Amino acid sequence: MLQKGLYIKAVIVFSFFLMCTVPVVAQEAPYSFTVSPVSAEGKPGDTITYYISITADPGFKSPIDFTLDVSSMGYSKNFVLGTYEGPYPRSSTYVLTIPKNVPTGVTADITINGRSGGYLQQQSLKLKIKGSGGPIEDITSMITDLINTALKEIARLTGGK
């Protein structure tokens, strides 16, 4: 007969062994969405209409919370787009007005997030904010894209820190 303390230690070691050796399979989200256009451009004050199409597995009717994350040149901002409820499939539009005070000649990276329960689906978009044009804007846009790419790579290599 095992002593109580030894029995507890054996159970803990065995449980740890099971957790380390039993593979964990990630479940695929029971819903998905697409947003178009994936790439757009406009000037400050312009509006861009994004089309959102949501599909789901049969029987899935849970609400999906949508947010938008935008970043460019180290700047980032988050927006709440709203909650969509089943039944699915479902389509909607979101009209984005480019603020008048944003810098021009830059490309913003946009991520649309759809969360429901413990699931997260994402889609990446690009938005080029144009100005009056010309070679200076082209050079600024190219440098901005290079800096954004470098910042993303640094974040990836450092684990986002």
C-alpha atoms as a PDB file:
ATOM      1  CA  MET A   1       0.000   0.000   0.000  1.00  0.00           C
ATOM      2  CA  LEU A   2       1.329   3.398  -1.004  1.00  0.00           C
ATOM      3  CA  GLN A   3       1.569   6.195   1.475  1.00  0.00           C
ATOM      4  CA  LYS A   4      -0.760   9.094   0.812  1.00  0.00           C
ATOM      5  CA  GLY A   5       2.033  11.573  -0.072  1.00  0.00           C
ATOM      6  CA  LEU A   6       3.723   9.108  -2.415  1.00  0.00           C
ATOM      7  CA  TYR A   7       0.384   8.318  -4.085  1.00  0.00           C
ATOM      8  CA  ILE A   8      -0.300  12.020  -4.722  1.00  0.00           C
ATOM      9  CA  LYS A   9       3.190  12.498  -6.199  1.00  0.00           C
ATOM     10  CA  ALA A  10       2.667   9.486  -8.483  1.00  0.00           C
ATOM     11  CA  VAL A  11      -0.665  10.887  -9.690  1.00  0.00           C
ATOM     12  CA  ILE A  12       0.907  14.298 -10.372  1.00  0.00           C
ATOM     13  CA  VAL A  13       3.843  12.798 -12.290  1.00  0.00           C
ATOM     14  CA  PHE A  14       1.532  10.541 -14.310  1.00  0.00           C
ATOM     15  CA  SER A  15      -0.823  13.456 -15.096  1.00  0.00           C
ATOM     16  CA  PHE A  16       2.117  15.590 -16.214  1.00  0.00           C
ATOM     17  CA  PHE A  17       3.345  12.727 -18.399  1.00  0.00           C
ATOM     18  CA  LEU A  18      -0.090  12.422 -20.036  1.00  0.00           C
ATOM     19  CA  MET A  19      -0.311  16.170 -20.663  1.00  0.00           C
ATOM     20  CA  CYS A  20       3.120  16.165 -22.310  1.00  0.00           C
ATOM     21  CA  THR A  21       2.540  13.133 -24.522  1.00  0.00           C
ATOM     22  CA  VAL A  22      -1.107  13.454 -25.577  1.00  0.00           C
ATOM     23  CA  PRO A  23      -1.304  15.723 -28.632  1.00  0.00           C
ATOM     24  CA  VAL A  24      -3.656  18.660 -28.467  1.00  0.00           C
ATOM     25  CA  VAL A  25      -5.593  19.234 -31.671  1.00  0.00           C
ATOM     26  CA  ALA A  26      -6.717  22.793 -32.329  1.00  0.00           C
ATOM     27  CA  GLN A  27     -10.305  22.967 -33.426  1.00  0.00           C
ATOM     28  CA  GLU A  28     -11.115  24.941 -36.514  1.00  0.00           C
ATOM     29  CA  ALA A  29     -13.553  27.782 -35.998  1.00  0.00           C
ATOM     30  CA  PRO A  30     -17.136  26.890 -36.965  1.00  0.00           C
ATOM     31  CA  TYR A  31     -17.369  30.127 -38.963  1.00  0.00           C
ATOM     32  CA  SER A  32     -15.347  32.124 -41.476  1.00  0.00           C
ATOM     33  CA  PHE A  33     -15.562  35.482 -43.157  1.00  0.00           C
ATOM     34  CA  THR A  34     -14.124  37.335 -46.103  1.00  0.00           C
ATOM     35  CA  VAL A  35     -13.698  41.053 -46.579  1.00  0.00           C
ATOM     36  CA  SER A  36     -13.285  42.811 -49.906  1.00  0.00           C
ATOM     37  CA  PRO A  37     -11.574  44.729 -51.283  1.00  0.00           C
ATOM     38  CA  VAL A  38      -8.343  43.342 -49.831  1.00  0.00           C
ATOM     39  CA  SER A  39      -6.426  46.346 -51.135  1.00  0.00           C
ATOM     40  CA  ALA A  40      -7.788  49.873 -51.532  1.00  0.00           C
ATOM     41  CA  GLU A  41      -6.554  53.420 -51.856  1.00  0.00           C
ATOM     42  CA  GLY A  42      -7.999  56.833 -51.269  1.00  0.00           C
ATOM     43  CA  LYS A  43      -7.326  60.378 -50.144  1.00  0.00           C
ATOM     44  CA  PRO A  44      -8.215  61.898 -46.758  1.00  0.00           C
ATOM     45  CA  GLY A  45     -11.970  62.462 -46.703  1.00  0.00           C
ATOM     46  CA  ASP A  46     -12.690  59.642 -49.183  1.00  0.00           C
ATOM     47  CA  THR A  47     -14.927  56.741 -48.208  1.00  0.00           C
ATOM     48  CA  ILE A  48     -14.201  53.101 -48.902  1.00  0.00           C
ATOM     49  CA  THR A  49     -16.927  50.490 -48.687  1.00  0.00           C
ATOM     50  CA  TYR A  50     -15.835  47.105 -47.393  1.00  0.00           C
ATOM     51  CA  TYR A  51     -18.051  44.081 -48.019  1.00  0.00           C
ATOM     52  CA  ILE A  52     -18.133  41.410 -45.307  1.00  0.00           C
ATOM     53  CA  SER A  53     -19.457  37.918 -46.034  1.00  0.00           C
ATOM     54  CA  ILE A  54     -19.887  35.501 -43.114  1.00  0.00           C
ATOM     55  CA  THR A  55     -20.433  31.749 -43.444  1.00  0.00           C
ATOM     56  CA  ALA A  56     -20.750  29.132 -40.717  1.00  0.00           C
ATOM     57  CA  ASP A  57     -21.190  25.456 -40.072  1.00  0.00           C
ATOM     58  CA  PRO A  58     -24.805  24.247 -39.953  1.00  0.00           C
ATOM     59  CA  GLY A  59     -26.299  24.979 -36.554  1.00  0.00           C
ATOM     60  CA  PHE A  60     -23.772  27.680 -35.617  1.00  0.00           C
ATOM     61  CA  LYS A  61     -25.746  30.762 -34.606  1.00  0.00           C
ATOM     62  CA  SER A  62     -23.489  32.365 -31.968  1.00  0.00           C
ATOM     63  CA  PRO A  63     -22.692  36.069 -32.222  1.00  0.00           C
ATOM     64  CA  ILE A  64     -19.378  37.123 -33.816  1.00  0.00           C
ATOM     65  CA  ASP A  65     -17.697  40.304 -32.563  1.00  0.00           C
ATOM     66  CA  PHE A  66     -15.759  42.216 -35.212  1.00  0.00           C
ATOM     67  CA  THR A  67     -12.909  44.645 -34.594  1.00  0.00           C
ATOM     68  CA  LEU A  68     -10.502  46.454 -36.887  1.00  0.00           C
ATOM     69  CA  ASP A  69      -6.821  47.029 -36.062  1.00  0.00           C
ATOM     70  CA  VAL A  70      -4.906  49.541 -38.173  1.00  0.00           C
ATOM     71  CA  SER A  71      -1.169  50.210 -38.057  1.00  0.00           C
ATOM     72  CA  SER A  72       1.401  52.170 -40.002  1.00  0.00           C
ATOM     73  CA  MET A  73       4.851  53.492 -39.106  1.00  0.00           C
ATOM     74  CA  GLY A  74       4.579  52.393 -35.467  1.00  0.00           C
ATOM     75  CA  TYR A  75       1.074  53.910 -35.118  1.00  0.00           C
ATOM     76  CA  SER A  76      -1.796  51.635 -34.212  1.00  0.00           C
ATOM     77  CA  LYS A  77      -5.473  52.088 -33.428  1.00  0.00           C
ATOM     78  CA  ASN A  78      -8.350  49.699 -32.770  1.00  0.00           C
ATOM     79  CA  PHE A  79     -11.996  50.105 -33.765  1.00  0.00           C
ATOM     80  CA  VAL A  80     -15.093  48.129 -32.797  1.00  0.00           C
ATOM     81  CA  LEU A  81     -17.111  47.249 -35.915  1.00  0.00           C
ATOM     82  CA  GLY A  82     -20.000  45.572 -34.132  1.00  0.00           C
ATOM     83  CA  THR A  83     -21.530  42.191 -33.429  1.00  0.00           C
ATOM     84  CA  TYR A  84     -23.197  40.022 -36.046  1.00  0.00           C
ATOM     85  CA  GLU A  85     -25.667  37.339 -35.018  1.00  0.00           C
ATOM     86  CA  GLY A  86     -26.846  34.276 -36.891  1.00  0.00           C
ATOM     87  CA  PRO A  87     -28.381  32.709 -38.733  1.00  0.00           C
ATOM     88  CA  TYR A  88     -25.563  32.538 -41.264  1.00  0.00           C
ATOM     89  CA  PRO A  89     -24.626  33.001 -44.103  1.00  0.00           C
ATOM     90  CA  ARG A  90     -24.834  36.745 -43.772  1.00  0.00           C
ATOM     91  CA  SER A  91     -23.435  39.731 -45.637  1.00  0.00           C
ATOM     92  CA  SER A  92     -22.883  43.301 -44.569  1.00  0.00           C
ATOM     93  CA  THR A  93     -21.012  46.455 -45.501  1.00  0.00           C
ATOM     94  CA  TYR A  94     -18.756  48.744 -43.521  1.00  0.00           C
ATOM     95  CA  VAL A  95     -18.061  52.248 -44.807  1.00  0.00           C
ATOM     96  CA  LEU A  96     -14.695  53.640 -43.746  1.00  0.00           C
ATOM     97  CA  THR A  97     -14.075  57.375 -44.069  1.00  0.00           C
ATOM     98  CA  ILE A  98     -10.381  58.176 -44.255  1.00  0.00           C
ATOM     99  CA  PRO A  99      -9.804  60.889 -41.624  1.00  0.00           C
ATOM    100  CA  LYS A 100      -8.803  64.290 -42.988  1.00  0.00           C
ATOM    101  CA  ASN A 101      -5.844  64.607 -40.609  1.00  0.00           C
ATOM    102  CA  VAL A 102      -3.978  61.407 -41.529  1.00  0.00           C
ATOM    103  CA  PRO A 103      -0.598  61.598 -43.245  1.00  0.00           C
ATOM    104  CA  THR A 104      -0.616  60.923 -46.954  1.00  0.00           C
ATOM    105  CA  GLY A 105       1.702  58.762 -49.007  1.00  0.00           C
ATOM    106  CA  VAL A 106       1.518  55.871 -46.540  1.00  0.00           C
ATOM    107  CA  THR A 107       0.114  52.362 -46.660  1.00  0.00           C
ATOM    108  CA  ALA A 108      -1.766  51.192 -43.592  1.00  0.00           C
ATOM    109  CA  ASP A 109      -1.969  47.540 -42.587  1.00  0.00           C
ATOM    110  CA  ILE A 110      -5.471  46.592 -41.482  1.00  0.00           C
ATOM    111  CA  THR A 111      -6.505  43.421 -39.684  1.00  0.00           C
ATOM    112  CA  ILE A 112     -10.171  42.504 -39.352  1.00  0.00           C
ATOM    113  CA  ASN A 113     -10.774  40.225 -36.353  1.00  0.00           C
ATOM    114  CA  GLY A 114     -13.866  38.063 -35.922  1.00  0.00           C
ATOM    115  CA  ARG A 115     -14.200  36.552 -32.413  1.00  0.00           C
ATOM    116  CA  SER A 116     -16.796  34.134 -31.140  1.00  0.00           C
ATOM    117  CA  GLY A 117     -16.358  32.112 -27.977  1.00  0.00           C
ATOM    118  CA  GLY A 118     -12.748  30.939 -27.937  1.00  0.00           C
ATOM    119  CA  TYR A 119     -12.338  31.271 -31.693  1.00  0.00           C
ATOM    120  CA  LEU A 120     -10.578  34.004 -33.650  1.00  0.00           C
ATOM    121  CA  GLN A 121     -10.565  34.438 -37.420  1.00  0.00           C
ATOM    122  CA  GLN A 122      -8.567  37.223 -39.089  1.00  0.00           C
ATOM    123  CA  GLN A 123      -8.136  38.808 -42.489  1.00  0.00           C
ATOM    124  CA  SER A 124      -5.434  41.269 -43.515  1.00  0.00           C
ATOM    125  CA  LEU A 125      -6.102  44.287 -45.729  1.00  0.00           C
ATOM    126  CA  LYS A 126      -4.047  47.173 -47.136  1.00  0.00           C
ATOM    127  CA  LEU A 127      -5.096  50.801 -47.436  1.00  0.00           C
ATOM    128  CA  LYS A 128      -2.915  53.247 -49.349  1.00  0.00           C
ATOM    129  CA  ILE A 129      -3.586  56.823 -48.317  1.00  0.00           C
ATOM    130  CA  LYS A 130      -2.863  59.028 -51.295  1.00  0.00           C
ATOM    131  CA  GLY A 131      -2.101  62.714 -51.352  1.00  0.00           C
ATOM    132  CA  SER A 132      -1.567  65.100 -54.207  1.00  0.00           C
ATOM    133  CA  GLY A 133       0.747  62.601 -55.886  1.00  0.00           C
ATOM    134  CA  GLY A 134       4.092  63.200 -57.459  1.00  0.00           C
ATOM    135  CA  PRO A 135       7.549  61.765 -56.893  1.00  0.00           C
ATOM    136  CA  ILE A 136       7.839  62.857 -53.245  1.00  0.00           C
ATOM    137  CA  GLU A 137       4.704  60.919 -52.339  1.00  0.00           C
ATOM    138  CA  ASP A 138       5.977  57.880 -54.265  1.00  0.00           C
ATOM    139  CA  ILE A 139       9.282  57.971 -52.364  1.00  0.00           C
ATOM    140  CA  THR A 140       7.499  58.521 -49.032  1.00  0.00           C
ATOM    141  CA  SER A 141       5.169  55.602 -49.746  1.00  0.00           C
ATOM    142  CA  MET A 142       8.067  53.314 -50.650  1.00  0.00           C
ATOM    143  CA  ILE A 143      10.023  54.250 -47.502  1.00  0.00           C
ATOM    144  CA  THR A 144       6.905  53.811 -45.360  1.00  0.00           C
ATOM    145  CA  ASP A 145       6.321  50.327 -46.777  1.00  0.00           C
ATOM    146  CA  LEU A 146       9.958  49.382 -46.069  1.00  0.00           C
ATOM    147  CA  ILE A 147       9.739  50.663 -42.480  1.00  0.00           C
ATOM    148  CA  ASN A 148       6.434  48.838 -41.890  1.00  0.00           C
ATOM    149  CA  THR A 149       7.959  45.610 -43.208  1.00  0.00           C
ATOM    150  CA  ALA A 150      11.030  46.054 -40.988  1.00  0.00           C
ATOM    151  CA  LEU A 151       8.886  46.771 -37.894  1.00  0.00           C
ATOM    152  CA  LYS A 152       6.761  43.670 -38.520  1.00  0.00           C
ATOM    153  CA  GLU A 153       9.861  41.500 -38.939  1.00  0.00           C
ATOM    154  CA  ILE A 154      11.397  42.889 -35.726  1.00  0.00           C
ATOM    155  CA  ALA A 155       8.128  42.215 -33.874  1.00  0.00           C
ATOM    156  CA  ARG A 156       8.008  38.678 -35.270  1.00  0.00           C
ATOM    157  CA  LEU A 157      11.621  37.954 -34.312  1.00  0.00           C
ATOM    158  CA  THR A 158      11.224  39.366 -30.808  1.00  0.00           C
ATOM    159  CA  GLY A 159       7.861  37.746 -30.150  1.00  0.00           C
ATOM    160  CA  GLY A 160       5.972  41.018 -30.466  1.00  0.00           C
ATOM    161  CA  LYS A 161       7.872  42.745 -27.654  1.00  0.00           C
END
